[in-house]
Amino acid sequence: MDNNTFLDILKNNLEVNQNHTLALKSIIDKYPFFQSARALYLKGLKNQDSFKYNRELKVTAAHTSDRTILFEYITSKKFKELKLVTFQVEQTTENESETKIKETVTNHEIVTEKIEKELEIGKPISFNAAENYSFNQWLQLSVKKPVVREEKPINKKEEIITQFIQNSPKIIPIPKDKTVTTNIPKLKQDSSLMTETLARVYLEQKKYENAIQAFKILSLKYPEKSGFFADQIKRVEILQKHKQ
C-alpha cells in the first residue's frame, strides 16, 4: 500500500476492502506500534465480519497508548455503519443442511461447531458507548502465568534474620481434633452491569459458568426475552459438556 492510498483512506474514511486489509497487515507486522494502521486494519476485519477481529482487538488495545480513544473509535457511528464486504461462498439448501446435521449429530466436533455458530462465538463483538465495563472485561487476560522469581544468594544479614525466625518465634499448632472453617463470600455479578455483550465476552473467553450466570441475570432483567436466554443457557451447557 502506497502513502497516498493510506492517507486517502485515513482522511476520507473510505471503505477498507480485502486488499487494503492484507496490505495493512503487512504494515503492522513491520511497524507494530503504528496505531493508525492498526485502527484501519481493525476496521477492515470488522468490514469482513472476520473471526480474527476479536483477537486483533486485544492486540490493538495492547499497542494503544490510550484505550479510551480506542473504545470511542470502535463504538463510533462511522465504525459501525461500514458496509459489510461479502464474498461468494458455496451454499447448501436448508433441507440439505438439516440432513447433514442429522447424519453427523453424534460427532462431537460437528455438534460443537453448530452450537458455537448459534451462539455467534468468533463473530466480532460490537460494543456500544455505555459498555465500558464489558470492554474492560474483554481485555482481561484469560490465562495468568505465574511469576518466576530467581533465587538470590543469602547474605549474612538475611542469614541472621532467618535463624532468628527459626529459633525464637514459635507458632502453636492447631490440635488435630479441632476443625477451623473460613467463610469466603461468594462473588456476585452486578446485575446492573450485565449485558448481552458481556455474556458474549464470557463465551469468547470460554468462561462458560460466567456466561450461564450472565444469561440467568439477563432473563430476570428482561422477562420478555426469557425464552431466548433459556435457549442460550441450554446451548452453553451443551458446549460446556462437549468441551470437557
C-alpha atoms as a PDB file:
ATOM      1  CA  MET A   1       0.000   0.000   0.000  1.00  0.00           C
ATOM      2  CA  ASP A   2       1.441   3.374  -1.014  1.00  0.00           C
ATOM      3  CA  ASN A   3       1.346   6.507   1.134  1.00  0.00           C
ATOM      4  CA  ASN A   4      -1.353   8.231  -0.943  1.00  0.00           C
ATOM      5  CA  THR A   5      -3.781   5.304  -0.660  1.00  0.00           C
ATOM      6  CA  PHE A   6      -3.201   5.065   3.097  1.00  0.00           C
ATOM      7  CA  LEU A   7      -3.751   8.798   3.620  1.00  0.00           C
ATOM      8  CA  ASP A   8      -6.805   8.762   1.347  1.00  0.00           C
ATOM      9  CA  ILE A   9      -8.453   6.002   3.436  1.00  0.00           C
ATOM     10  CA  LEU A  10      -7.495   7.745   6.664  1.00  0.00           C
ATOM     11  CA  LYS A  11      -8.624  11.263   5.721  1.00  0.00           C
ATOM     12  CA  ASN A  12     -11.722  10.459   3.666  1.00  0.00           C
ATOM     13  CA  ASN A  13     -12.916   7.494   5.734  1.00  0.00           C
ATOM     14  CA  LEU A  14     -13.040   5.251   2.661  1.00  0.00           C
ATOM     15  CA  GLU A  15     -14.182   1.652   2.881  1.00  0.00           C
ATOM     16  CA  VAL A  16     -11.329  -0.712   3.785  1.00  0.00           C
ATOM     17  CA  ASN A  17     -11.602  -3.636   1.390  1.00  0.00           C
ATOM     18  CA  GLN A  18      -9.947  -7.059   1.492  1.00  0.00           C
ATOM     19  CA  ASN A  19      -6.848  -5.949  -0.452  1.00  0.00           C
ATOM     20  CA  HIS A  20      -6.376  -2.953   1.847  1.00  0.00           C
ATOM     21  CA  THR A  21      -6.691  -5.224   4.882  1.00  0.00           C
ATOM     22  CA  LEU A  22      -3.960  -7.559   3.620  1.00  0.00           C
ATOM     23  CA  ALA A  23      -1.688  -4.606   2.884  1.00  0.00           C
ATOM     24  CA  LEU A  24      -2.338  -3.112   6.324  1.00  0.00           C
ATOM     25  CA  LYS A  25      -1.454  -6.451   7.929  1.00  0.00           C
ATOM     26  CA  SER A  26       1.987  -6.273   6.291  1.00  0.00           C
ATOM     27  CA  ILE A  27       2.450  -2.727   7.580  1.00  0.00           C
ATOM     28  CA  ILE A  28       1.628  -3.513  11.224  1.00  0.00           C
ATOM     29  CA  ASP A  29       3.801  -6.638  11.118  1.00  0.00           C
ATOM     30  CA  LYS A  30       6.697  -4.349  10.247  1.00  0.00           C
ATOM     31  CA  TYR A  31       5.630  -1.421  12.455  1.00  0.00           C
ATOM     32  CA  PRO A  32       3.628  -2.938  15.363  1.00  0.00           C
ATOM     33  CA  PHE A  33       3.138   0.414  17.151  1.00  0.00           C
ATOM     34  CA  PHE A  34       1.758   2.225  14.087  1.00  0.00           C
ATOM     35  CA  GLN A  35      -1.587   2.948  15.772  1.00  0.00           C
ATOM     36  CA  SER A  36      -3.471   4.468  12.840  1.00  0.00           C
ATOM     37  CA  ALA A  37      -2.560   1.463  10.672  1.00  0.00           C
ATOM     38  CA  ARG A  38      -3.782  -0.875  13.382  1.00  0.00           C
ATOM     39  CA  ALA A  39      -7.061   1.049  13.624  1.00  0.00           C
ATOM     40  CA  LEU A  40      -7.632   0.719   9.871  1.00  0.00           C
ATOM     41  CA  TYR A  41      -6.704  -2.972   9.944  1.00  0.00           C
ATOM     42  CA  LEU A  42      -9.256  -3.466  12.716  1.00  0.00           C
ATOM     43  CA  LYS A  43     -11.841  -1.675  10.585  1.00  0.00           C
ATOM     44  CA  GLY A  44     -11.051  -3.967   7.641  1.00  0.00           C
ATOM     45  CA  LEU A  45     -11.574  -7.089   9.759  1.00  0.00           C
ATOM     46  CA  LYS A  46     -14.860  -5.654  11.020  1.00  0.00           C
ATOM     47  CA  ASN A  47     -15.973  -5.000   7.430  1.00  0.00           C
ATOM     48  CA  GLN A  48     -15.323  -8.637   6.525  1.00  0.00           C
ATOM     49  CA  ASP A  49     -17.005  -9.961   9.681  1.00  0.00           C
ATOM     50  CA  SER A  50     -13.727 -11.802  10.269  1.00  0.00           C
ATOM     51  CA  PHE A  51     -13.193 -14.286  13.095  1.00  0.00           C
ATOM     52  CA  LYS A  52      -9.809 -12.608  13.596  1.00  0.00           C
ATOM     53  CA  TYR A  53     -11.434  -9.350  14.742  1.00  0.00           C
ATOM     54  CA  ASN A  54     -11.946 -10.221  18.428  1.00  0.00           C
ATOM     55  CA  ARG A  55      -8.366 -11.367  18.924  1.00  0.00           C
ATOM     56  CA  GLU A  56      -6.998  -8.404  16.993  1.00  0.00           C
ATOM     57  CA  LEU A  57      -9.000  -6.037  19.185  1.00  0.00           C
ATOM     58  CA  LYS A  58      -6.993  -7.250  22.183  1.00  0.00           C
ATOM     59  CA  VAL A  59      -3.710  -6.911  20.298  1.00  0.00           C
ATOM     60  CA  THR A  60      -4.644  -3.398  19.163  1.00  0.00           C
ATOM     61  CA  ALA A  61      -5.502  -2.439  22.756  1.00  0.00           C
ATOM     62  CA  ALA A  62      -2.093  -3.679  23.888  1.00  0.00           C
ATOM     63  CA  HIS A  63      -0.384  -1.433  21.305  1.00  0.00           C
ATOM     64  CA  THR A  64      -2.571   1.617  22.025  1.00  0.00           C
ATOM     65  CA  SER A  65      -1.316   4.297  24.383  1.00  0.00           C
ATOM     66  CA  ASP A  66      -4.838   5.457  25.328  1.00  0.00           C
ATOM     67  CA  ARG A  67      -7.508   2.723  25.345  1.00  0.00           C
ATOM     68  CA  THR A  68     -10.227   5.326  25.900  1.00  0.00           C
ATOM     69  CA  ILE A  69      -9.610   6.626  22.373  1.00  0.00           C
ATOM     70  CA  LEU A  70      -9.739   3.076  21.001  1.00  0.00           C
ATOM     71  CA  PHE A  71     -13.040   2.428  22.806  1.00  0.00           C
ATOM     72  CA  GLU A  72     -14.535   5.657  21.427  1.00  0.00           C
ATOM     73  CA  TYR A  73     -13.358   4.662  17.946  1.00  0.00           C
ATOM     74  CA  ILE A  74     -14.878   1.158  17.875  1.00  0.00           C
ATOM     75  CA  THR A  75     -18.164   2.424  19.340  1.00  0.00           C
ATOM     76  CA  SER A  76     -18.422   5.379  16.950  1.00  0.00           C
ATOM     77  CA  LYS A  77     -21.213   5.614  14.388  1.00  0.00           C
ATOM     78  CA  LYS A  78     -18.781   5.668  11.451  1.00  0.00           C
ATOM     79  CA  PHE A  79     -17.093   2.472  12.609  1.00  0.00           C
ATOM     80  CA  LYS A  80     -20.392   0.613  12.997  1.00  0.00           C
ATOM     81  CA  GLU A  81     -22.052   1.861   9.796  1.00  0.00           C
ATOM     82  CA  LEU A  82     -19.412   0.482   7.468  1.00  0.00           C
ATOM     83  CA  LYS A  83     -20.825  -1.812   4.806  1.00  0.00           C
ATOM     84  CA  LEU A  84     -20.088  -5.471   5.187  1.00  0.00           C
ATOM     85  CA  VAL A  85     -17.773  -6.754   2.470  1.00  0.00           C
ATOM     86  CA  THR A  86     -19.330 -10.023   1.301  1.00  0.00           C
ATOM     87  CA  PHE A  87     -17.800 -12.813  -0.746  1.00  0.00           C
ATOM     88  CA  GLN A  88     -19.418 -15.567  -2.770  1.00  0.00           C
ATOM     89  CA  VAL A  89     -19.292 -18.898  -0.980  1.00  0.00           C
ATOM     90  CA  GLU A  90     -20.701 -22.293  -1.805  1.00  0.00           C
ATOM     91  CA  GLN A  91     -24.067 -22.624  -0.096  1.00  0.00           C
ATOM     92  CA  THR A  92     -26.396 -25.560   0.502  1.00  0.00           C
ATOM     93  CA  THR A  93     -30.154 -25.513   0.754  1.00  0.00           C
ATOM     94  CA  GLU A  94     -31.870 -25.587   4.154  1.00  0.00           C
ATOM     95  CA  ASN A  95     -33.018 -29.190   3.646  1.00  0.00           C
ATOM     96  CA  GLU A  96     -29.501 -30.313   2.694  1.00  0.00           C
ATOM     97  CA  SER A  97     -28.055 -28.611   5.792  1.00  0.00           C
ATOM     98  CA  GLU A  98     -30.613 -30.284   8.073  1.00  0.00           C
ATOM     99  CA  THR A  99     -29.851 -33.693   6.522  1.00  0.00           C
ATOM    100  CA  LYS A 100     -26.116 -33.232   7.034  1.00  0.00           C
ATOM    101  CA  ILE A 101     -26.609 -32.218  10.665  1.00  0.00           C
ATOM    102  CA  LYS A 102     -28.807 -35.275  11.330  1.00  0.00           C
ATOM    103  CA  GLU A 103     -26.235 -37.584   9.727  1.00  0.00           C
ATOM    104  CA  THR A 104     -23.376 -36.236  11.853  1.00  0.00           C
ATOM    105  CA  VAL A 105     -25.169 -35.375  15.083  1.00  0.00           C
ATOM    106  CA  THR A 106     -23.138 -37.966  17.007  1.00  0.00           C
ATOM    107  CA  ASN A 107     -19.892 -36.290  16.046  1.00  0.00           C
ATOM    108  CA  HIS A 108     -18.782 -34.028  18.911  1.00  0.00           C
ATOM    109  CA  GLU A 109     -16.898 -31.666  16.639  1.00  0.00           C
ATOM    110  CA  ILE A 110     -19.916 -31.079  14.426  1.00  0.00           C
ATOM    111  CA  VAL A 111     -22.189 -30.536  17.418  1.00  0.00           C
ATOM    112  CA  THR A 112     -19.714 -28.093  18.953  1.00  0.00           C
ATOM    113  CA  GLU A 113     -19.355 -26.217  15.676  1.00  0.00           C
ATOM    114  CA  LYS A 114     -23.136 -25.966  15.328  1.00  0.00           C
ATOM    115  CA  ILE A 115     -23.591 -24.661  18.892  1.00  0.00           C
ATOM    116  CA  GLU A 116     -20.754 -22.140  18.515  1.00  0.00           C
ATOM    117  CA  LYS A 117     -22.401 -20.867  15.339  1.00  0.00           C
ATOM    118  CA  GLU A 118     -25.756 -20.461  17.096  1.00  0.00           C
ATOM    119  CA  LEU A 119     -24.048 -18.621  19.979  1.00  0.00           C
ATOM    120  CA  GLU A 120     -22.134 -16.481  17.433  1.00  0.00           C
ATOM    121  CA  ILE A 121     -18.798 -17.384  19.011  1.00  0.00           C
ATOM    122  CA  GLY A 122     -15.991 -15.971  16.873  1.00  0.00           C
ATOM    123  CA  LYS A 123     -18.167 -13.208  15.429  1.00  0.00           C
ATOM    124  CA  PRO A 124     -16.913  -9.645  16.010  1.00  0.00           C
ATOM    125  CA  ILE A 125     -18.151  -8.321  19.361  1.00  0.00           C
ATOM    126  CA  SER A 126     -19.873  -4.974  18.898  1.00  0.00           C
ATOM    127  CA  PHE A 127     -19.560  -2.767  21.971  1.00  0.00           C
ATOM    128  CA  ASN A 128     -21.569   0.392  22.482  1.00  0.00           C
ATOM    129  CA  ALA A 129     -20.604   3.588  24.293  1.00  0.00           C
ATOM    130  CA  ALA A 130     -22.331   2.503  27.525  1.00  0.00           C
ATOM    131  CA  GLU A 131     -20.438  -0.782  27.797  1.00  0.00           C
ATOM    132  CA  ASN A 132     -17.039   0.308  29.048  1.00  0.00           C
ATOM    133  CA  TYR A 133     -17.193  -2.394  31.757  1.00  0.00           C
ATOM    134  CA  SER A 134     -17.750  -5.147  29.168  1.00  0.00           C
ATOM    135  CA  PHE A 135     -14.869  -3.791  27.093  1.00  0.00           C
ATOM    136  CA  ASN A 136     -12.509  -3.840  30.087  1.00  0.00           C
ATOM    137  CA  GLN A 137     -13.594  -7.400  30.901  1.00  0.00           C
ATOM    138  CA  TRP A 138     -12.813  -8.412  27.324  1.00  0.00           C
ATOM    139  CA  LEU A 139      -9.278  -7.040  27.596  1.00  0.00           C
ATOM    140  CA  GLN A 140      -8.515  -9.087  30.707  1.00  0.00           C
ATOM    141  CA  LEU A 141      -6.030 -11.910  30.191  1.00  0.00           C
ATOM    142  CA  SER A 142      -7.814 -15.253  30.254  1.00  0.00           C
ATOM    143  CA  VAL A 143      -4.678 -17.058  31.461  1.00  0.00           C
ATOM    144  CA  LYS A 144      -2.373 -15.625  34.075  1.00  0.00           C
ATOM    145  CA  LYS A 145       1.150 -17.018  34.106  1.00  0.00           C
ATOM    146  CA  PRO A 146       2.878 -17.445  37.468  1.00  0.00           C
ATOM    147  CA  VAL A 147       5.736 -15.080  38.213  1.00  0.00           C
ATOM    148  CA  VAL A 148       9.049 -16.950  38.165  1.00  0.00           C
ATOM    149  CA  ARG A 149      11.494 -15.409  40.614  1.00  0.00           C
ATOM    150  CA  GLU A 150      15.218 -16.090  40.506  1.00  0.00           C
ATOM    151  CA  GLU A 151      16.766 -17.293  43.740  1.00  0.00           C
ATOM    152  CA  LYS A 152      19.363 -14.854  45.082  1.00  0.00           C
ATOM    153  CA  PRO A 153      22.271 -15.863  47.291  1.00  0.00           C
ATOM    154  CA  ILE A 154      21.557 -15.256  51.017  1.00  0.00           C
ATOM    155  CA  ASN A 155      23.809 -12.630  52.579  1.00  0.00           C
ATOM    156  CA  LYS A 156      24.916 -12.522  56.219  1.00  0.00           C
ATOM    157  CA  LYS A 157      22.100 -10.226  57.430  1.00  0.00           C
ATOM    158  CA  GLU A 158      19.426 -12.388  55.797  1.00  0.00           C
ATOM    159  CA  GLU A 159      21.013 -15.474  57.361  1.00  0.00           C
ATOM    160  CA  ILE A 160      20.811 -13.908  60.867  1.00  0.00           C
ATOM    161  CA  ILE A 161      17.156 -12.972  60.321  1.00  0.00           C
ATOM    162  CA  THR A 162      16.387 -16.471  59.062  1.00  0.00           C
ATOM    163  CA  GLN A 163      17.992 -18.064  62.121  1.00  0.00           C
ATOM    164  CA  PHE A 164      16.042 -15.748  64.447  1.00  0.00           C
ATOM    165  CA  ILE A 165      12.782 -16.673  62.807  1.00  0.00           C
ATOM    166  CA  GLN A 166      13.627 -20.358  63.001  1.00  0.00           C
ATOM    167  CA  ASN A 167      14.747 -20.360  66.647  1.00  0.00           C
ATOM    168  CA  SER A 168      12.785 -17.641  68.506  1.00  0.00           C
ATOM    169  CA  PRO A 169       9.138 -17.274  67.411  1.00  0.00           C
ATOM    170  CA  LYS A 170       7.056 -20.389  67.878  1.00  0.00           C
ATOM    171  CA  ILE A 171       3.701 -20.924  66.244  1.00  0.00           C
ATOM    172  CA  ILE A 172       1.369 -23.014  68.346  1.00  0.00           C
ATOM    173  CA  PRO A 173      -0.022 -25.773  66.127  1.00  0.00           C
ATOM    174  CA  ILE A 174      -3.783 -26.300  65.945  1.00  0.00           C
ATOM    175  CA  PRO A 175      -4.937 -29.530  67.638  1.00  0.00           C
ATOM    176  CA  LYS A 176      -5.718 -32.286  65.165  1.00  0.00           C
ATOM    177  CA  ASP A 177      -9.212 -32.767  66.530  1.00  0.00           C
ATOM    178  CA  LYS A 178     -10.092 -29.083  66.015  1.00  0.00           C
ATOM    179  CA  THR A 179     -11.678 -28.002  62.741  1.00  0.00           C
ATOM    180  CA  VAL A 180     -11.200 -24.457  61.516  1.00  0.00           C
ATOM    181  CA  THR A 181     -13.567 -23.101  58.868  1.00  0.00           C
ATOM    182  CA  THR A 182     -13.214 -19.858  56.970  1.00  0.00           C
ATOM    183  CA  ASN A 183     -16.235 -18.308  55.334  1.00  0.00           C
ATOM    184  CA  ILE A 184     -15.390 -16.946  51.903  1.00  0.00           C
ATOM    185  CA  PRO A 185     -18.085 -14.689  50.461  1.00  0.00           C
ATOM    186  CA  LYS A 186     -19.310 -15.699  47.020  1.00  0.00           C
ATOM    187  CA  LEU A 187     -18.530 -13.297  44.237  1.00  0.00           C
ATOM    188  CA  LYS A 188     -21.785 -11.977  42.788  1.00  0.00           C
ATOM    189  CA  GLN A 189     -22.122 -10.381  39.384  1.00  0.00           C
ATOM    190  CA  ASP A 190     -23.641  -6.927  39.433  1.00  0.00           C
ATOM    191  CA  SER A 191     -26.935  -7.224  37.562  1.00  0.00           C
ATOM    192  CA  SER A 192     -26.832  -3.529  36.635  1.00  0.00           C
ATOM    193  CA  LEU A 193     -23.631  -4.129  34.641  1.00  0.00           C
ATOM    194  CA  MET A 194     -24.900  -7.255  32.911  1.00  0.00           C
ATOM    195  CA  THR A 195     -25.473  -7.026  29.157  1.00  0.00           C
ATOM    196  CA  GLU A 196     -25.715  -9.467  26.275  1.00  0.00           C
ATOM    197  CA  THR A 197     -22.336  -8.183  25.100  1.00  0.00           C
ATOM    198  CA  LEU A 198     -20.748  -9.133  28.423  1.00  0.00           C
ATOM    199  CA  ALA A 199     -22.327 -12.598  28.162  1.00  0.00           C
ATOM    200  CA  ARG A 200     -20.707 -12.921  24.720  1.00  0.00           C
ATOM    201  CA  VAL A 201     -17.381 -11.791  26.186  1.00  0.00           C
ATOM    202  CA  TYR A 202     -17.545 -14.646  28.705  1.00  0.00           C
ATOM    203  CA  LEU A 203     -18.314 -17.098  25.890  1.00  0.00           C
ATOM    204  CA  GLU A 204     -15.354 -15.889  23.814  1.00  0.00           C
ATOM    205  CA  GLN A 205     -13.114 -16.323  26.865  1.00  0.00           C
ATOM    206  CA  LYS A 206     -14.551 -19.844  27.428  1.00  0.00           C
ATOM    207  CA  LYS A 207     -15.844 -18.814  30.865  1.00  0.00           C
ATOM    208  CA  TYR A 208     -18.966 -20.933  30.477  1.00  0.00           C
ATOM    209  CA  GLU A 209     -20.117 -20.769  34.117  1.00  0.00           C
ATOM    210  CA  ASN A 210     -19.953 -16.957  33.975  1.00  0.00           C
ATOM    211  CA  ALA A 211     -21.870 -16.981  30.694  1.00  0.00           C
ATOM    212  CA  ILE A 212     -24.631 -19.169  32.132  1.00  0.00           C
ATOM    213  CA  GLN A 213     -24.922 -16.912  35.172  1.00  0.00           C
ATOM    214  CA  ALA A 214     -24.987 -13.878  32.872  1.00  0.00           C
ATOM    215  CA  PHE A 215     -27.897 -15.264  30.837  1.00  0.00           C
ATOM    216  CA  LYS A 216     -29.781 -16.085  34.058  1.00  0.00           C
ATOM    217  CA  ILE A 217     -29.409 -12.480  35.234  1.00  0.00           C
ATOM    218  CA  LEU A 218     -30.467 -11.185  31.808  1.00  0.00           C
ATOM    219  CA  SER A 219     -33.518 -13.455  31.908  1.00  0.00           C
ATOM    220  CA  LEU A 220     -34.623 -11.776  35.152  1.00  0.00           C
ATOM    221  CA  LYS A 221     -33.835  -8.302  33.832  1.00  0.00           C
ATOM    222  CA  TYR A 222     -35.717  -8.826  30.576  1.00  0.00           C
ATOM    223  CA  PRO A 223     -38.602 -11.293  31.195  1.00  0.00           C
ATOM    224  CA  GLU A 224     -39.903 -10.751  27.662  1.00  0.00           C
ATOM    225  CA  LYS A 225     -36.728 -12.452  26.344  1.00  0.00           C
ATOM    226  CA  SER A 226     -36.587 -15.201  28.983  1.00  0.00           C
ATOM    227  CA  GLY A 227     -37.261 -17.890  26.367  1.00  0.00           C
ATOM    228  CA  PHE A 228     -34.342 -16.743  24.234  1.00  0.00           C
ATOM    229  CA  PHE A 229     -31.971 -16.659  27.224  1.00  0.00           C
ATOM    230  CA  ALA A 230     -33.170 -20.104  28.358  1.00  0.00           C
ATOM    231  CA  ASP A 231     -32.228 -21.463  24.914  1.00  0.00           C
ATOM    232  CA  GLN A 232     -28.827 -19.757  25.164  1.00  0.00           C
ATOM    233  CA  ILE A 233     -28.213 -21.394  28.548  1.00  0.00           C
ATOM    234  CA  LYS A 234     -29.041 -24.830  27.078  1.00  0.00           C
ATOM    235  CA  ARG A 235     -26.611 -24.210  24.210  1.00  0.00           C
ATOM    236  CA  VAL A 236     -23.820 -23.158  26.586  1.00  0.00           C
ATOM    237  CA  GLU A 237     -24.405 -26.239  28.754  1.00  0.00           C
ATOM    238  CA  ILE A 238     -24.145 -28.493  25.665  1.00  0.00           C
ATOM    239  CA  LEU A 239     -20.985 -26.671  24.577  1.00  0.00           C
ATOM    240  CA  GLN A 240     -19.546 -26.959  28.095  1.00  0.00           C
ATOM    241  CA  LYS A 241     -20.229 -30.712  28.084  1.00  0.00           C
ATOM    242  CA  HIS A 242     -18.566 -31.284  24.702  1.00  0.00           C
ATOM    243  CA  LYS A 243     -15.535 -29.169  25.595  1.00  0.00           C
ATOM    244  CA  GLN A 244     -14.730 -31.246  28.689  1.00  0.00           C
END
